[in-house]
Amino acid sequence: MSKEIAAALLAADAAVASAAVVAEDRPSRGEISRVMGELRAALFPRELGLAARGEAAVASHLQGALDGLNEQIRRCAVIFAAERPGRGAALPADAAGIVGELARSLPEIRRKVEGDISAAFDGDPAAQSRSEILHGYPGVRAITDHRIAHVLYQLGVPLLPRIAAESAHSATGIDIHPGATIGERFFVDHGTGVVIGETAIIGSDVRLYQGVTLGSKSFPHADDGTLAKGRPRHPIIEDRVVIYSGATVLGRITVGHNSTIGGNVWLTRSIPPYSNISQARTRAEDLVGEGLGI
């Protein structure tokens, strides 16, 4: 029986285009997770890196990460090409060039994550130290990995940014699509169950609590009836917005700056700056627009 079942499984697998890709050309989730860990260690060598300090220690983490990243980008391009024939123009032409671009962006990523750490310290009365936040706050781990994955997403790398994002999701419970644009000093408190969609745009000094969803209200279709890819469909959250636990914000709506959205609110319409929305007021007159596009 086992041979017959194995034969059936192999036949089904052979029908998938990517099945023709040899094992040496398939991306490795474990290796991508290792690369992200090495990049975090290079960003924060004193706290997350080797016991040894100095330029050599940072260079060791960085080189190990960049070599692995170069290979995984190549593999992701191979499997993407196998699954999407005719889409070669969408593939990264130069893995080494992309790795170089990411490497040059690391000092800026470090600067932004320092701002995220500061936002966590300022926004959480339970926070006692910077090291506690860096080591123990899932929101900081999630946004650090996101800032790396977002650069790779912007550079056109297929598949790998999603694998990196899922690694962070598995570790933290926070699901951030690498396409989401997130401003400075971003803080996710507690974090479990937070979902941020691909086309979401988040301003600076925004704070989210556990269970918040920034999702899509509907899924537009192309002329052939398939789901349209890449169209703006997630919320725009302006600067200095606070969204409390369990709130769901859907569609291409705008939450105006300096607004507060209370726990468990279901919001599908834009709100102006300085709004204060609770469950009892979700149908109040200060809700504007239809949530179908800004």
Protein backbone atom coordinates (compact mmCIF):
# COMPACT_ATOMS: atom_id res chain seq x y z
CA MET A 1 0.00 0.00 0.00
CA SER A 2 2.74 2.48 0.90
CA LYS A 3 4.33 2.17 -2.55
CA GLU A 4 1.00 2.88 -4.26
CA ILE A 5 0.38 5.92 -2.07
CA ALA A 6 3.94 7.14 -2.65
CA ALA A 7 3.47 6.79 -6.41
CA ALA A 8 0.23 8.79 -6.26
CA LEU A 9 1.87 11.52 -4.20
CA LEU A 10 4.83 11.74 -6.60
CA ALA A 11 2.44 11.96 -9.57
CA ALA A 12 0.59 14.84 -7.94
CA ASP A 13 3.87 16.54 -7.10
CA ALA A 14 5.13 16.17 -10.66
CA ALA A 15 2.15 18.19 -11.90
CA VAL A 16 3.44 21.26 -10.04
CA ALA A 17 5.86 23.36 -12.05
CA SER A 18 8.23 23.93 -9.14
CA ALA A 19 8.61 20.17 -8.65
CA ALA A 20 11.18 20.21 -11.45
CA VAL A 21 13.45 22.45 -9.37
CA VAL A 22 16.24 20.37 -7.84
CA ALA A 23 16.68 20.36 -4.07
CA GLU A 24 19.83 22.48 -4.30
CA ASP A 25 17.81 25.29 -5.87
CA ARG A 26 14.93 25.36 -3.39
CA PRO A 27 14.94 28.08 -0.72
CA SER A 28 15.49 27.00 2.87
CA ARG A 29 13.27 28.43 5.61
CA GLY A 30 15.83 27.41 8.19
CA GLU A 31 18.65 29.19 6.38
CA ILE A 32 16.58 32.33 5.87
CA SER A 33 15.77 32.34 9.58
CA ARG A 34 19.49 31.99 10.34
CA VAL A 35 20.29 34.88 8.00
CA MET A 36 17.76 37.11 9.77
CA GLY A 37 19.30 36.19 13.11
CA GLU A 38 22.77 37.09 11.85
CA LEU A 39 21.47 40.41 10.53
CA ARG A 40 19.93 41.21 13.91
CA ALA A 41 23.26 40.36 15.53
CA ALA A 42 25.08 42.68 13.11
CA LEU A 43 22.60 45.45 13.85
CA PHE A 44 23.00 45.02 17.63
CA PRO A 45 26.39 43.36 18.15
CA ARG A 46 26.71 44.32 21.82
CA GLU A 47 23.34 42.86 22.84
CA LEU A 48 22.59 40.18 20.23
CA GLY A 49 25.99 39.35 18.75
CA LEU A 50 29.08 37.38 19.67
CA ALA A 51 30.72 37.82 23.04
CA ALA A 52 33.65 39.44 21.25
CA ARG A 53 33.15 43.07 20.33
CA GLY A 54 34.60 45.31 17.68
CA GLU A 55 34.61 45.56 13.94
CA ALA A 56 35.71 41.96 13.39
CA ALA A 57 32.74 40.57 15.33
CA VAL A 58 30.25 42.70 13.40
CA ALA A 59 31.92 41.79 10.12
CA SER A 60 31.67 38.10 11.02
CA HIS A 61 27.90 38.30 11.54
CA LEU A 62 27.44 40.47 8.50
CA GLN A 63 29.45 38.33 6.13
CA GLY A 64 27.72 35.15 7.27
CA ALA A 65 24.35 36.80 6.73
CA LEU A 66 25.13 38.34 3.35
CA ASP A 67 26.66 35.16 1.90
CA GLY A 68 23.60 33.18 2.95
CA LEU A 69 21.24 35.89 1.72
CA ASN A 70 22.86 35.95 -1.72
CA GLU A 71 22.33 32.21 -2.12
CA GLN A 72 18.73 32.30 -0.87
CA ILE A 73 17.83 35.17 -3.21
CA ARG A 74 19.17 33.09 -6.09
CA ARG A 75 17.12 30.10 -5.00
CA CYS A 76 13.94 32.13 -4.57
CA ALA A 77 14.40 33.56 -8.07
CA VAL A 78 14.78 30.06 -9.50
CA ILE A 79 11.60 28.70 -7.94
CA PHE A 80 9.65 31.87 -8.79
CA ALA A 81 10.67 31.56 -12.44
CA ALA A 82 9.62 27.89 -12.47
CA GLU A 83 6.19 28.69 -11.05
CA ARG A 84 5.58 31.88 -13.03
CA PRO A 85 6.93 31.34 -16.55
CA GLY A 86 7.07 34.49 -18.63
CA ARG A 87 7.54 36.69 -15.57
CA GLY A 88 11.32 36.90 -15.82
CA ALA A 89 11.23 40.70 -15.86
CA ALA A 90 9.92 40.63 -12.31
CA LEU A 91 12.94 38.72 -11.03
CA PRO A 92 15.99 40.32 -9.42
CA ALA A 93 18.67 40.46 -12.09
CA ASP A 94 21.60 40.70 -9.70
CA ALA A 95 21.45 38.96 -6.32
CA ALA A 96 24.85 40.35 -5.33
CA GLY A 97 23.68 43.88 -6.15
CA ILE A 98 20.56 43.43 -4.03
CA VAL A 99 22.63 42.12 -1.13
CA GLY A 100 24.85 45.18 -1.45
CA GLU A 101 21.83 47.49 -1.36
CA LEU A 102 20.54 45.81 1.77
CA ALA A 103 23.96 46.01 3.43
CA ARG A 104 24.15 49.74 2.73
CA SER A 105 20.68 50.20 4.24
CA LEU A 106 21.58 48.55 7.58
CA PRO A 107 22.80 51.70 9.36
CA GLU A 108 19.49 53.39 8.51
CA ILE A 109 17.55 50.32 9.66
CA ARG A 110 19.49 50.41 12.93
CA ARG A 111 18.56 54.08 13.38
CA LYS A 112 14.88 53.35 12.82
CA VAL A 113 14.84 50.38 15.20
CA GLU A 114 16.47 52.53 17.88
CA GLY A 115 13.47 54.82 17.46
CA ASP A 116 11.14 51.83 17.78
CA ILE A 117 12.88 50.83 21.00
CA SER A 118 12.51 54.37 22.35
CA ALA A 119 8.81 54.33 21.45
CA ALA A 120 8.38 51.10 23.40
CA PHE A 121 10.15 52.55 26.44
CA ASP A 122 8.14 55.76 26.31
CA GLY A 123 4.84 53.97 25.64
CA ASP A 124 4.97 51.17 28.20
CA PRO A 125 5.12 51.99 31.92
CA ALA A 126 6.25 48.40 32.57
CA ALA A 127 9.43 48.85 30.51
CA GLN A 128 12.45 49.08 32.79
CA SER A 129 15.38 49.25 30.37
CA ARG A 130 16.44 49.35 26.75
CA SER A 131 17.93 45.84 27.00
CA GLU A 132 14.66 44.45 28.36
CA ILE A 133 12.85 45.86 25.33
CA LEU A 134 15.40 44.61 22.80
CA HIS A 135 15.51 41.10 24.27
CA GLY A 136 11.97 40.63 25.53
CA TYR A 137 9.49 42.67 23.48
CA PRO A 138 8.00 40.76 20.53
CA GLY A 139 6.99 44.01 18.83
CA VAL A 140 10.63 45.09 18.54
CA ARG A 141 11.66 41.72 17.12
CA ALA A 142 8.81 41.89 14.61
CA ILE A 143 9.52 45.44 13.44
CA THR A 144 13.27 44.76 13.19
CA ASP A 145 12.68 41.82 10.87
CA HIS A 146 10.04 43.77 8.99
CA ARG A 147 12.37 46.67 8.29
CA ILE A 148 14.86 44.23 6.76
CA ALA A 149 12.24 42.28 4.81
CA HIS A 150 10.63 45.49 3.54
CA VAL A 151 13.90 46.59 1.91
CA LEU A 152 14.15 43.23 0.12
CA TYR A 153 10.48 43.47 -0.90
CA GLN A 154 11.08 46.93 -2.38
CA LEU A 155 14.09 45.59 -4.27
CA GLY A 156 11.86 43.04 -5.99
CA VAL A 157 13.06 39.87 -4.27
CA PRO A 158 10.35 37.19 -4.61
CA LEU A 159 9.31 34.78 -1.86
CA LEU A 160 12.18 35.45 0.56
CA PRO A 161 10.63 38.51 2.26
CA ARG A 162 7.46 36.51 2.96
CA ILE A 163 9.48 33.63 4.43
CA ALA A 164 11.38 36.10 6.62
CA ALA A 165 8.10 37.70 7.72
CA GLU A 166 6.61 34.32 8.56
CA SER A 167 9.66 33.46 10.65
CA ALA A 168 9.04 36.60 12.71
CA HIS A 169 5.32 35.81 12.84
CA SER A 170 6.03 32.34 14.20
CA ALA A 171 8.34 33.77 16.85
CA THR A 172 6.17 36.72 17.95
CA GLY A 173 2.55 36.18 16.94
CA ILE A 174 2.73 39.43 14.94
CA ASP A 175 1.96 39.08 11.22
CA ILE A 176 3.32 41.99 9.16
CA HIS A 177 3.36 41.66 5.38
CA PRO A 178 6.76 42.81 4.07
CA GLY A 179 5.02 45.18 1.67
CA ALA A 180 3.51 47.29 4.45
CA THR A 181 5.01 50.77 4.80
CA ILE A 182 5.71 51.67 8.44
CA GLY A 183 6.98 55.00 9.70
CA GLU A 184 9.28 55.86 12.57
CA ARG A 185 8.94 55.06 16.28
CA PHE A 186 6.44 52.25 15.77
CA PHE A 187 5.33 50.33 18.86
CA VAL A 188 3.29 47.13 19.08
CA ASP A 189 2.53 46.37 22.74
CA HIS A 190 2.04 42.69 23.67
CA GLY A 191 1.47 41.97 19.99
CA THR A 192 -0.18 38.55 19.79
CA GLY A 193 -2.67 38.43 16.94
CA VAL A 194 -1.69 41.70 15.25
CA VAL A 195 -2.12 41.54 11.45
CA ILE A 196 -0.89 44.26 9.06
CA GLY A 197 -1.68 43.82 5.37
CA GLU A 198 0.48 44.27 2.30
CA THR A 199 -0.62 47.75 1.21
CA ALA A 200 -1.10 49.28 4.66
CA ILE A 201 0.61 52.63 5.22
CA ILE A 202 1.44 53.55 8.81
CA GLY A 203 2.78 56.93 9.82
CA SER A 204 5.15 57.82 12.65
CA ASP A 205 4.55 57.47 16.39
CA VAL A 206 1.78 54.91 15.92
CA ARG A 207 0.96 52.45 18.70
CA LEU A 208 -0.96 49.18 18.29
CA TYR A 209 -2.07 46.69 20.91
CA GLN A 210 -2.69 42.96 20.67
CA GLY A 211 -5.29 41.62 18.29
CA VAL A 212 -5.37 44.66 16.00
CA THR A 213 -6.07 43.96 12.32
CA LEU A 214 -5.26 46.39 9.52
CA GLY A 215 -6.89 44.42 6.75
CA SER A 216 -8.74 44.51 3.47
CA LYS A 217 -12.49 45.06 3.27
CA SER A 218 -12.92 43.51 -0.16
CA PHE A 219 -10.82 41.87 -2.85
CA PRO A 220 -11.01 43.51 -6.28
CA HIS A 221 -10.96 41.26 -9.33
CA ALA A 222 -9.19 41.69 -12.65
CA ASP A 223 -11.00 41.54 -15.98
CA ASP A 224 -10.41 37.78 -16.22
CA GLY A 225 -12.11 37.20 -12.87
CA THR A 226 -8.96 36.44 -10.89
CA LEU A 227 -8.03 38.46 -7.82
CA ALA A 228 -6.20 41.67 -8.70
CA LYS A 229 -2.74 41.72 -7.15
CA GLY A 230 -1.03 44.66 -5.51
CA ARG A 231 -3.89 47.18 -5.54
CA PRO A 232 -4.16 49.45 -2.47
CA ARG A 233 -6.73 47.80 -0.21
CA HIS A 234 -5.48 48.27 3.36
CA PRO A 235 -5.79 51.26 5.71
CA ILE A 236 -3.71 54.41 5.87
CA ILE A 237 -2.90 55.17 9.51
CA GLU A 238 -1.61 58.70 9.96
CA ASP A 239 0.86 59.94 12.59
CA ARG A 240 0.31 59.61 16.34
CA VAL A 241 -2.62 57.18 16.18
CA VAL A 242 -3.31 54.69 18.97
CA ILE A 243 -5.35 51.55 18.21
CA TYR A 244 -6.36 49.45 21.21
CA SER A 245 -6.69 45.68 21.49
CA GLY A 246 -9.03 43.77 19.25
CA ALA A 247 -9.81 46.66 16.90
CA THR A 248 -10.35 45.81 13.23
CA VAL A 249 -9.71 48.47 10.59
CA LEU A 250 -10.60 47.42 7.05
CA GLY A 251 -10.33 48.82 3.55
CA ARG A 252 -8.45 51.69 1.94
CA ILE A 253 -9.64 54.16 4.53
CA THR A 254 -7.69 56.86 6.36
CA VAL A 255 -7.43 57.14 10.12
CA GLY A 256 -6.57 60.80 10.70
CA HIS A 257 -3.58 61.81 12.77
CA ASN A 258 -3.80 62.02 16.56
CA SER A 259 -6.83 59.72 16.63
CA THR A 260 -7.63 56.97 19.11
CA ILE A 261 -9.53 53.80 18.21
CA GLY A 262 -10.89 51.89 21.19
CA GLY A 263 -10.82 48.18 21.83
CA ASN A 264 -12.93 45.84 19.66
CA VAL A 265 -14.02 48.63 17.31
CA TRP A 266 -14.90 47.51 13.75
CA LEU A 267 -14.01 50.41 11.47
CA THR A 268 -14.63 50.53 7.71
CA ARG A 269 -14.93 54.29 7.13
CA SER A 270 -12.38 57.08 7.23
CA ILE A 271 -12.20 59.28 10.30
CA PRO A 272 -10.76 62.80 10.54
CA PRO A 273 -7.78 63.84 12.69
CA TYR A 274 -8.24 63.94 16.47
CA SER A 275 -11.11 61.43 16.40
CA ASN A 276 -11.84 59.28 19.44
CA ILE A 277 -13.77 56.20 18.35
CA SER A 278 -15.23 53.66 20.76
CA GLN A 279 -17.73 50.86 20.17
CA ALA A 280 -20.61 53.16 21.11
CA ARG A 281 -19.50 55.76 18.56
CA THR A 282 -18.60 53.73 15.50
CA ARG A 283 -21.68 55.09 13.74
CA ALA A 284 -21.21 58.65 14.89
CA GLU A 285 -21.39 61.60 12.53
CA ASP A 286 -17.64 62.12 12.54
CA LEU A 287 -17.22 58.97 10.42
CA VAL A 288 -16.74 60.02 6.80
CA GLY A 289 -16.35 58.34 3.46
CA GLU A 290 -17.34 54.89 2.29
CA GLY A 291 -14.09 53.00 2.88
CA LEU A 292 -13.80 52.22 -0.82
CA GLY A 293 -10.75 54.29 -1.60
CA ILE A 294 -8.89 57.48 -0.74
